[in-house]
Amino acid sequence: MPALPREGDYIQVSRPGQEGTENFIVRRATWALNFPSREHSHEASRAPVGKTEGIFVEVEFARGPHDSANHKRACDVQEGRGKKVRKFEASGY
């Protein structure tokens, strides 16, 4: 990925042999970080380096212009459970 999705971004997933897409709107991204020191400050020349343990992207189901049959059914199930299914906004482009 060239960049991490941000809140409000649209995600479309296509799969081999599937007509249409699965569509989602990003709710939030969570970064899981690990830092090897309990100290809150360090000398710049001797600062330990942490690492990224994971990045989690939370999404909501959305209806798009080219939903796959499976995605349409999944959206219907979500709505049947009382969950809101969002919609991609029409674009002027």
Protein backbone atom coordinates (compact mmCIF):
# COMPACT_ATOMS: atom_id res chain seq x y z
CA MET A 1 0.00 0.00 0.00
CA PRO A 2 1.35 3.44 -0.82
CA ALA A 3 -0.21 4.88 2.36
CA LEU A 4 -2.33 3.80 5.29
CA PRO A 5 -6.05 4.39 5.00
CA ARG A 6 -7.39 7.24 7.12
CA GLU A 7 -10.80 7.92 8.61
CA GLY A 8 -13.35 8.42 5.85
CA ASP A 9 -11.28 6.78 3.10
CA TYR A 10 -13.03 4.36 0.78
CA ILE A 11 -11.67 0.84 0.37
CA GLN A 12 -12.69 -1.41 -2.53
CA VAL A 13 -11.61 -5.06 -2.52
CA SER A 14 -11.76 -7.13 -5.69
CA ARG A 15 -11.14 -10.88 -5.76
CA PRO A 16 -10.17 -13.23 -8.59
CA GLY A 17 -13.21 -14.69 -10.34
CA GLN A 18 -15.60 -12.31 -8.59
CA GLU A 19 -17.67 -9.73 -10.43
CA GLY A 20 -17.95 -6.50 -8.50
CA THR A 21 -16.23 -5.30 -5.36
CA GLU A 22 -16.51 -5.39 -1.59
CA ASN A 23 -16.71 -1.84 -0.28
CA PHE A 24 -15.85 -0.33 3.08
CA ILE A 25 -15.34 3.08 4.68
CA VAL A 26 -12.53 3.47 7.20
CA ARG A 27 -13.67 4.25 10.74
CA ARG A 28 -10.22 4.45 12.36
CA ALA A 29 -6.68 3.11 12.27
CA THR A 30 -4.85 1.88 15.37
CA TRP A 31 -1.08 1.69 15.62
CA ALA A 32 0.45 -0.92 17.96
CA LEU A 33 3.97 0.21 18.86
CA ASN A 34 6.70 -1.33 21.01
CA PHE A 35 9.38 0.80 22.63
CA PRO A 36 12.30 -0.99 24.31
CA SER A 37 12.74 1.43 27.22
CA ARG A 38 10.67 2.54 30.20
CA GLU A 39 12.36 5.93 30.20
CA HIS A 40 10.41 8.88 28.79
CA SER A 41 13.41 10.82 27.53
CA HIS A 42 16.82 9.92 26.08
CA GLU A 43 19.87 11.61 24.65
CA ALA A 44 19.30 11.91 20.92
CA SER A 45 22.56 10.15 20.11
CA ARG A 46 21.67 7.15 22.30
CA ALA A 47 17.93 6.87 21.92
CA PRO A 48 16.64 3.31 21.55
CA VAL A 49 14.60 2.50 18.47
CA GLY A 50 11.13 1.06 18.77
CA LYS A 51 9.19 -0.97 16.25
CA THR A 52 5.72 -1.27 14.84
CA GLU A 53 3.96 -4.40 16.09
CA GLY A 54 0.91 -3.91 13.90
CA ILE A 55 -1.49 -1.52 12.25
CA PHE A 56 -5.18 -2.27 12.41
CA VAL A 57 -7.76 -0.62 10.17
CA GLU A 58 -11.37 -0.69 11.39
CA VAL A 59 -13.93 -0.38 8.60
CA GLU A 60 -17.68 -0.19 8.14
CA PHE A 61 -19.63 -1.96 5.42
CA ALA A 62 -20.57 0.33 2.55
CA ARG A 63 -22.58 -0.02 -0.61
CA GLY A 64 -20.73 1.07 -3.71
CA PRO A 65 -21.55 1.43 -7.40
CA HIS A 66 -20.32 -2.08 -8.33
CA ASP A 67 -21.01 -4.34 -5.34
CA SER A 68 -20.40 -8.06 -5.75
CA ALA A 69 -23.34 -10.38 -5.10
CA ASN A 70 -21.67 -11.63 -1.90
CA HIS A 71 -21.12 -8.09 -0.68
CA LYS A 72 -24.75 -7.15 -1.35
CA ARG A 73 -25.85 -10.15 0.75
CA ALA A 74 -23.40 -9.22 3.54
CA CYS A 75 -24.78 -5.66 3.57
CA ASP A 76 -28.34 -7.01 3.71
CA VAL A 77 -27.39 -9.19 6.70
CA GLN A 78 -25.82 -6.20 8.48
CA GLU A 79 -28.95 -4.13 7.93
CA GLY A 80 -31.11 -7.05 9.10
CA ARG A 81 -29.16 -6.97 12.36
CA GLY A 82 -29.96 -3.29 12.77
CA LYS A 83 -26.49 -2.11 11.73
CA LYS A 84 -26.07 0.93 9.53
CA VAL A 85 -24.54 0.24 6.13
CA ARG A 86 -22.91 3.32 4.69
CA LYS A 87 -22.89 4.35 1.01
CA PHE A 88 -20.14 5.64 -1.20
CA GLU A 89 -20.99 9.19 -2.20
CA ALA A 90 -21.53 9.86 -5.87
CA SER A 91 -18.57 11.68 -7.37
CA GLY A 92 -18.63 14.43 -9.94
CA TYR A 93 -15.46 13.07 -11.58
